[in-house]
Amino acid sequence: MYGFLFARRIFYKQRVGELETLLEDEKRIMALLSEELRPLQMRYLLGKAAQSFVERSGRRAAKKPR
């Protein structure tokens, strides 16, 4: 009985170790993807900011009496 429990405990520890390794690998992959996508994210955010600026300045120009 104890041999079975001991073997089961070793199996679970090995499995937990494998899962921790996989998690660390996933974290590294996500960090690399984040670095590669950062220029695209910045370009998107700058585009949205420019669009918002144009829309706001267009509204202000329409409100000003001439």
PDB file of N, CA and C in Angstrom:
ATOM      1  N   MET A   1       0.823  -1.194   0.000  1.00  0.00           N
ATOM      2  CA  MET A   1       0.000   0.000   0.000  1.00  0.00           C
ATOM      3  C   MET A   1       0.869   1.261   0.000  1.00  0.00           C
ATOM      4  N   TYR A   2       1.887   1.298   0.878  1.00  0.00           N
ATOM      5  CA  TYR A   2       2.733   2.484   0.958  1.00  0.00           C
ATOM      6  C   TYR A   2       3.572   2.670  -0.293  1.00  0.00           C
ATOM      7  N   GLY A   3       3.968   1.558  -0.916  1.00  0.00           N
ATOM      8  CA  GLY A   3       4.740   1.645  -2.150  1.00  0.00           C
ATOM      9  C   GLY A   3       3.941   2.313  -3.254  1.00  0.00           C
ATOM     10  N   PHE A   4       2.653   1.984  -3.321  1.00  0.00           N
ATOM     11  CA  PHE A   4       1.764   2.583  -4.319  1.00  0.00           C
ATOM     12  C   PHE A   4       1.624   4.079  -4.067  1.00  0.00           C
ATOM     13  N   LEU A   5       1.411   4.448  -2.812  1.00  0.00           N
ATOM     14  CA  LEU A   5       1.257   5.869  -2.474  1.00  0.00           C
ATOM     15  C   LEU A   5       2.546   6.644  -2.753  1.00  0.00           C
ATOM     16  N   PHE A   6       3.686   6.019  -2.454  1.00  0.00           N
ATOM     17  CA  PHE A   6       4.971   6.654  -2.707  1.00  0.00           C
ATOM     18  C   PHE A   6       5.175   6.867  -4.204  1.00  0.00           C
ATOM     19  N   ALA A   7       4.870   5.838  -4.997  1.00  0.00           N
ATOM     20  CA  ALA A   7       5.019   5.944  -6.453  1.00  0.00           C
ATOM     21  C   ALA A   7       4.071   7.004  -7.011  1.00  0.00           C
ATOM     22  N   ARG A   8       2.888   7.057  -6.475  1.00  0.00           N
ATOM     23  CA  ARG A   8       1.898   8.037  -6.921  1.00  0.00           C
ATOM     24  C   ARG A   8       2.377   9.455  -6.586  1.00  0.00           C
ATOM     25  N   ARG A   9       2.963   9.621  -5.413  1.00  0.00           N
ATOM     26  CA  ARG A   9       3.474  10.920  -5.001  1.00  0.00           C
ATOM     27  C   ARG A   9       4.616  11.370  -5.916  1.00  0.00           C
ATOM     28  N   ILE A  10       5.496  10.459  -6.253  1.00  0.00           N
ATOM     29  CA  ILE A  10       6.599  10.773  -7.179  1.00  0.00           C
ATOM     30  C   ILE A  10       6.039  11.172  -8.543  1.00  0.00           C
ATOM     31  N   PHE A  11       5.037  10.420  -9.015  1.00  0.00           N
ATOM     32  CA  PHE A  11       4.422  10.731 -10.313  1.00  0.00           C
ATOM     33  C   PHE A  11       3.835  12.138 -10.292  1.00  0.00           C
ATOM     34  N   TYR A  12       3.110  12.492  -9.240  1.00  0.00           N
ATOM     35  CA  TYR A  12       2.505  13.823  -9.153  1.00  0.00           C
ATOM     36  C   TYR A  12       3.559  14.915  -9.081  1.00  0.00           C
ATOM     37  N   LYS A  13       4.634  14.683  -8.353  1.00  0.00           N
ATOM     38  CA  LYS A  13       5.705  15.684  -8.275  1.00  0.00           C
ATOM     39  C   LYS A  13       6.351  15.889  -9.644  1.00  0.00           C
ATOM     40  N   GLN A  14       6.549  14.791 -10.376  1.00  0.00           N
ATOM     41  CA  GLN A  14       7.127  14.905 -11.719  1.00  0.00           C
ATOM     42  C   GLN A  14       6.177  15.672 -12.630  1.00  0.00           C
ATOM     43  N   ARG A  15       4.901  15.359 -12.537  1.00  0.00           N
ATOM     44  CA  ARG A  15       3.908  16.019 -13.387  1.00  0.00           C
ATOM     45  C   ARG A  15       3.831  17.511 -13.069  1.00  0.00           C
ATOM     46  N   VAL A  16       3.858  17.857 -11.787  1.00  0.00           N
ATOM     47  CA  VAL A  16       3.840  19.261 -11.388  1.00  0.00           C
ATOM     48  C   VAL A  16       5.087  19.969 -11.919  1.00  0.00           C
ATOM     49  N   GLY A  17       6.225  19.301 -11.843  1.00  0.00           N
ATOM     50  CA  GLY A  17       7.457  19.879 -12.388  1.00  0.00           C
ATOM     51  C   GLY A  17       7.352  20.132 -13.882  1.00  0.00           C
ATOM     52  N   GLU A  18       6.762  19.181 -14.612  1.00  0.00           N
ATOM     53  CA  GLU A  18       6.573  19.352 -16.059  1.00  0.00           C
ATOM     54  C   GLU A  18       5.638  20.520 -16.346  1.00  0.00           C
ATOM     55  N   LEU A  19       4.565  20.632 -15.577  1.00  0.00           N
ATOM     56  CA  LEU A  19       3.614  21.727 -15.784  1.00  0.00           C
ATOM     57  C   LEU A  19       4.242  23.084 -15.460  1.00  0.00           C
ATOM     58  N   GLU A  20       5.080  23.126 -14.435  1.00  0.00           N
ATOM     59  CA  GLU A  20       5.767  24.379 -14.118  1.00  0.00           C
ATOM     60  C   GLU A  20       6.710  24.778 -15.241  1.00  0.00           C
ATOM     61  N   THR A  21       7.395  23.803 -15.822  1.00  0.00           N
ATOM     62  CA  THR A  21       8.285  24.078 -16.948  1.00  0.00           C
ATOM     63  C   THR A  21       7.494  24.597 -18.145  1.00  0.00           C
ATOM     64  N   LEU A  22       6.364  23.961 -18.432  1.00  0.00           N
ATOM     65  CA  LEU A  22       5.516  24.420 -19.533  1.00  0.00           C
ATOM     66  C   LEU A  22       5.019  25.841 -19.296  1.00  0.00           C
ATOM     67  N   LEU A  23       4.660  26.145 -18.057  1.00  0.00           N
ATOM     68  CA  LEU A  23       4.187  27.480 -17.731  1.00  0.00           C
ATOM     69  C   LEU A  23       5.285  28.519 -17.947  1.00  0.00           C
ATOM     70  N   GLU A  24       6.487  28.204 -17.534  1.00  0.00           N
ATOM     71  CA  GLU A  24       7.609  29.129 -17.749  1.00  0.00           C
ATOM     72  C   GLU A  24       7.867  29.331 -19.236  1.00  0.00           C
ATOM     73  N   ASP A  25       7.787  28.248 -20.017  1.00  0.00           N
ATOM     74  CA  ASP A  25       7.955  28.366 -21.467  1.00  0.00           C
ATOM     75  C   ASP A  25       6.885  29.267 -22.068  1.00  0.00           C
ATOM     76  N   GLU A  26       5.644  29.087 -21.620  1.00  0.00           N
ATOM     77  CA  GLU A  26       4.545  29.918 -22.117  1.00  0.00           C
ATOM     78  C   GLU A  26       4.775  31.383 -21.774  1.00  0.00           C
ATOM     79  N   LYS A  27       5.269  31.648 -20.574  1.00  0.00           N
ATOM     80  CA  LYS A  27       5.547  33.029 -20.178  1.00  0.00           C
ATOM     81  C   LYS A  27       6.607  33.645 -21.080  1.00  0.00           C
ATOM     82  N   ARG A  28       7.662  32.867 -21.384  1.00  0.00           N
ATOM     83  CA  ARG A  28       8.717  33.368 -22.269  1.00  0.00           C
ATOM     84  C   ARG A  28       8.178  33.647 -23.672  1.00  0.00           C
ATOM     85  N   ILE A  29       7.359  32.741 -24.170  1.00  0.00           N
ATOM     86  CA  ILE A  29       6.772  32.920 -25.503  1.00  0.00           C
ATOM     87  C   ILE A  29       5.889  34.162 -25.533  1.00  0.00           C
ATOM     88  N   MET A  30       5.071  34.351 -24.509  1.00  0.00           N
ATOM     89  CA  MET A  30       4.197  35.525 -24.468  1.00  0.00           C
ATOM     90  C   MET A  30       5.014  36.817 -24.395  1.00  0.00           C
ATOM     91  N   ALA A  31       6.114  36.789 -23.666  1.00  0.00           N
ATOM     92  CA  ALA A  31       6.969  37.979 -23.590  1.00  0.00           C
ATOM     93  C   ALA A  31       7.572  38.291 -24.958  1.00  0.00           C
ATOM     94  N   LEU A  32       8.016  37.263 -25.667  1.00  0.00           N
ATOM     95  CA  LEU A  32       8.579  37.479 -27.007  1.00  0.00           C
ATOM     96  C   LEU A  32       7.518  38.012 -27.959  1.00  0.00           C
ATOM     97  N   LEU A  33       6.333  37.449 -27.915  1.00  0.00           N
ATOM     98  CA  LEU A  33       5.254  37.931 -28.780  1.00  0.00           C
ATOM     99  C   LEU A  33       4.898  39.371 -28.444  1.00  0.00           C
ATOM    100  N   SER A  34       4.899  39.685 -27.162  1.00  0.00           N
ATOM    101  CA  SER A  34       4.587  41.040 -26.745  1.00  0.00           C
ATOM    102  C   SER A  34       5.608  42.021 -27.315  1.00  0.00           C
ATOM    103  N   GLU A  35       6.885  41.633 -27.285  1.00  0.00           N
ATOM    104  CA  GLU A  35       7.935  42.498 -27.835  1.00  0.00           C
ATOM    105  C   GLU A  35       7.747  42.697 -29.335  1.00  0.00           C
ATOM    106  N   GLU A  36       7.374  41.636 -30.043  1.00  0.00           N
ATOM    107  CA  GLU A  36       7.206  41.741 -31.491  1.00  0.00           C
ATOM    108  C   GLU A  36       5.967  42.545 -31.851  1.00  0.00           C
ATOM    109  N   LEU A  37       4.935  42.470 -31.024  1.00  0.00           N
ATOM    110  CA  LEU A  37       3.689  43.162 -31.334  1.00  0.00           C
ATOM    111  C   LEU A  37       3.672  44.609 -30.862  1.00  0.00           C
ATOM    112  N   ARG A  38       4.634  44.984 -30.027  1.00  0.00           N
ATOM    113  CA  ARG A  38       4.639  46.335 -29.474  1.00  0.00           C
ATOM    114  C   ARG A  38       4.632  47.415 -30.563  1.00  0.00           C
ATOM    115  N   PRO A  39       5.435  47.326 -31.638  1.00  0.00           N
ATOM    116  CA  PRO A  39       5.372  48.367 -32.679  1.00  0.00           C
ATOM    117  C   PRO A  39       3.990  48.455 -33.326  1.00  0.00           C
ATOM    118  N   LEU A  40       3.351  47.310 -33.533  1.00  0.00           N
ATOM    119  CA  LEU A  40       2.008  47.336 -34.113  1.00  0.00           C
ATOM    120  C   LEU A  40       1.016  47.973 -33.160  1.00  0.00           C
ATOM    121  N   GLN A  41       1.141  47.670 -31.882  1.00  0.00           N
ATOM    122  CA  GLN A  41       0.245  48.273 -30.896  1.00  0.00           C
ATOM    123  C   GLN A  41       0.445  49.774 -30.847  1.00  0.00           C
ATOM    124  N   MET A  42       1.701  50.219 -30.882  1.00  0.00           N
ATOM    125  CA  MET A  42       1.982  51.654 -30.851  1.00  0.00           C
ATOM    126  C   MET A  42       1.430  52.339 -32.097  1.00  0.00           C
ATOM    127  N   ARG A  43       1.607  51.722 -33.242  1.00  0.00           N
ATOM    128  CA  ARG A  43       1.095  52.289 -34.483  1.00  0.00           C
ATOM    129  C   ARG A  43      -0.429  52.427 -34.416  1.00  0.00           C
ATOM    130  N   TYR A  44      -1.089  51.403 -33.874  1.00  0.00           N
ATOM    131  CA  TYR A  44      -2.542  51.433 -33.729  1.00  0.00           C
ATOM    132  C   TYR A  44      -2.965  52.562 -32.788  1.00  0.00           C
ATOM    133  N   LEU A  45      -2.292  52.644 -31.631  1.00  0.00           N
ATOM    134  CA  LEU A  45      -2.655  53.673 -30.653  1.00  0.00           C
ATOM    135  C   LEU A  45      -2.401  55.080 -31.194  1.00  0.00           C
ATOM    136  N   LEU A  46      -1.292  55.256 -31.921  1.00  0.00           N
ATOM    137  CA  LEU A  46      -1.017  56.568 -32.518  1.00  0.00           C
ATOM    138  C   LEU A  46      -2.066  56.908 -33.571  1.00  0.00           C
ATOM    139  N   GLY A  47      -2.478  55.919 -34.347  1.00  0.00           N
ATOM    140  CA  GLY A  47      -3.524  56.143 -35.345  1.00  0.00           C
ATOM    141  C   GLY A  47      -4.837  56.540 -34.703  1.00  0.00           C
ATOM    142  N   LYS A  48      -5.193  55.866 -33.610  1.00  0.00           N
ATOM    143  CA  LYS A  48      -6.431  56.200 -32.901  1.00  0.00           C
ATOM    144  C   LYS A  48      -6.348  57.602 -32.304  1.00  0.00           C
ATOM    145  N   ALA A  49      -5.185  57.960 -31.760  1.00  0.00           N
ATOM    146  CA  ALA A  49      -5.012  59.294 -31.183  1.00  0.00           C
ATOM    147  C   ALA A  49      -5.124  60.359 -32.268  1.00  0.00           C
ATOM    148  N   ALA A  50      -4.518  60.108 -33.424  1.00  0.00           N
ATOM    149  CA  ALA A  50      -4.592  61.067 -34.528  1.00  0.00           C
ATOM    150  C   ALA A  50      -6.027  61.212 -35.022  1.00  0.00           C
ATOM    151  N   GLN A  51      -6.714  60.110 -35.127  1.00  0.00           N
ATOM    152  CA  GLN A  51      -8.110  60.151 -35.572  1.00  0.00           C
ATOM    153  C   GLN A  51      -8.963  60.936 -34.582  1.00  0.00           C
ATOM    154  N   SER A  52      -8.760  60.705 -33.309  1.00  0.00           N
ATOM    155  CA  SER A  52      -9.501  61.419 -32.274  1.00  0.00           C
ATOM    156  C   SER A  52      -9.198  62.917 -32.324  1.00  0.00           C
ATOM    157  N   PHE A  53      -7.924  63.250 -32.532  1.00  0.00           N
ATOM    158  CA  PHE A  53      -7.531  64.659 -32.624  1.00  0.00           C
ATOM    159  C   PHE A  53      -8.230  65.338 -33.804  1.00  0.00           C
ATOM    160  N   VAL A  54      -8.237  64.678 -34.952  1.00  0.00           N
ATOM    161  CA  VAL A  54      -8.866  65.250 -36.144  1.00  0.00           C
ATOM    162  C   VAL A  54     -10.365  65.425 -35.919  1.00  0.00           C
ATOM    163  N   GLU A  55     -10.989  64.424 -35.293  1.00  0.00           N
ATOM    164  CA  GLU A  55     -12.429  64.528 -35.035  1.00  0.00           C
ATOM    165  C   GLU A  55     -12.742  65.675 -34.080  1.00  0.00           C
ATOM    166  N   ARG A  56     -11.929  65.802 -33.008  1.00  0.00           N
ATOM    167  CA  ARG A  56     -12.176  66.881 -32.041  1.00  0.00           C
ATOM    168  C   ARG A  56     -11.918  68.252 -32.650  1.00  0.00           C
ATOM    169  N   SER A  57     -10.851  68.372 -33.405  1.00  0.00           N
ATOM    170  CA  SER A  57     -10.559  69.681 -33.999  1.00  0.00           C
ATOM    171  C   SER A  57     -11.599  70.020 -35.068  1.00  0.00           C
ATOM    172  N   GLY A  58     -12.129  69.035 -35.733  1.00  0.00           N
ATOM    173  CA  GLY A  58     -13.195  69.270 -36.708  1.00  0.00           C
ATOM    174  C   GLY A  58     -14.464  69.747 -36.042  1.00  0.00           C
ATOM    175  N   ARG A  59     -14.785  69.188 -34.882  1.00  0.00           N
ATOM    176  CA  ARG A  59     -15.962  69.622 -34.125  1.00  0.00           C
ATOM    177  C   ARG A  59     -15.789  71.054 -33.618  1.00  0.00           C
ATOM    178  N   ARG A  60     -14.569  71.361 -33.151  1.00  0.00           N
ATOM    179  CA  ARG A  60     -14.304  72.715 -32.645  1.00  0.00           C
ATOM    180  C   ARG A  60     -14.428  73.733 -33.780  1.00  0.00           C
ATOM    181  N   ALA A  61     -13.916  73.371 -34.948  1.00  0.00           N
ATOM    182  CA  ALA A  61     -13.976  74.292 -36.078  1.00  0.00           C
ATOM    183  C   ALA A  61     -15.424  74.512 -36.503  1.00  0.00           C
ATOM    184  N   ALA A  62     -16.257  73.483 -36.404  1.00  0.00           N
ATOM    185  CA  ALA A  62     -17.654  73.611 -36.770  1.00  0.00           C
ATOM    186  C   ALA A  62     -18.419  74.459 -35.759  1.00  0.00           C
ATOM    187  N   LYS A  63     -18.004  74.458 -34.495  1.00  0.00           N
ATOM    188  CA  LYS A  63     -18.678  75.231 -33.453  1.00  0.00           C
ATOM    189  C   LYS A  63     -18.318  76.707 -33.483  1.00  0.00           C
ATOM    190  N   LYS A  64     -17.105  77.043 -33.958  1.00  0.00           N
ATOM    191  CA  LYS A  64     -16.655  78.434 -33.959  1.00  0.00           C
ATOM    192  C   LYS A  64     -17.453  79.236 -34.972  1.00  0.00           C
ATOM    193  N   PRO A  65     -17.974  80.377 -34.549  1.00  0.00           N
ATOM    194  CA  PRO A  65     -18.658  81.248 -35.516  1.00  0.00           C
ATOM    195  C   PRO A  65     -17.630  81.961 -36.369  1.00  0.00           C
ATOM    196  N   ARG A  66     -17.964  82.158 -37.604  1.00  0.00           N
ATOM    197  CA  ARG A  66     -17.030  82.832 -38.525  1.00  0.00           C
ATOM    198  C   ARG A  66     -17.414  84.246 -38.761  1.00  0.00           C
TER     199      ARG A  66
END
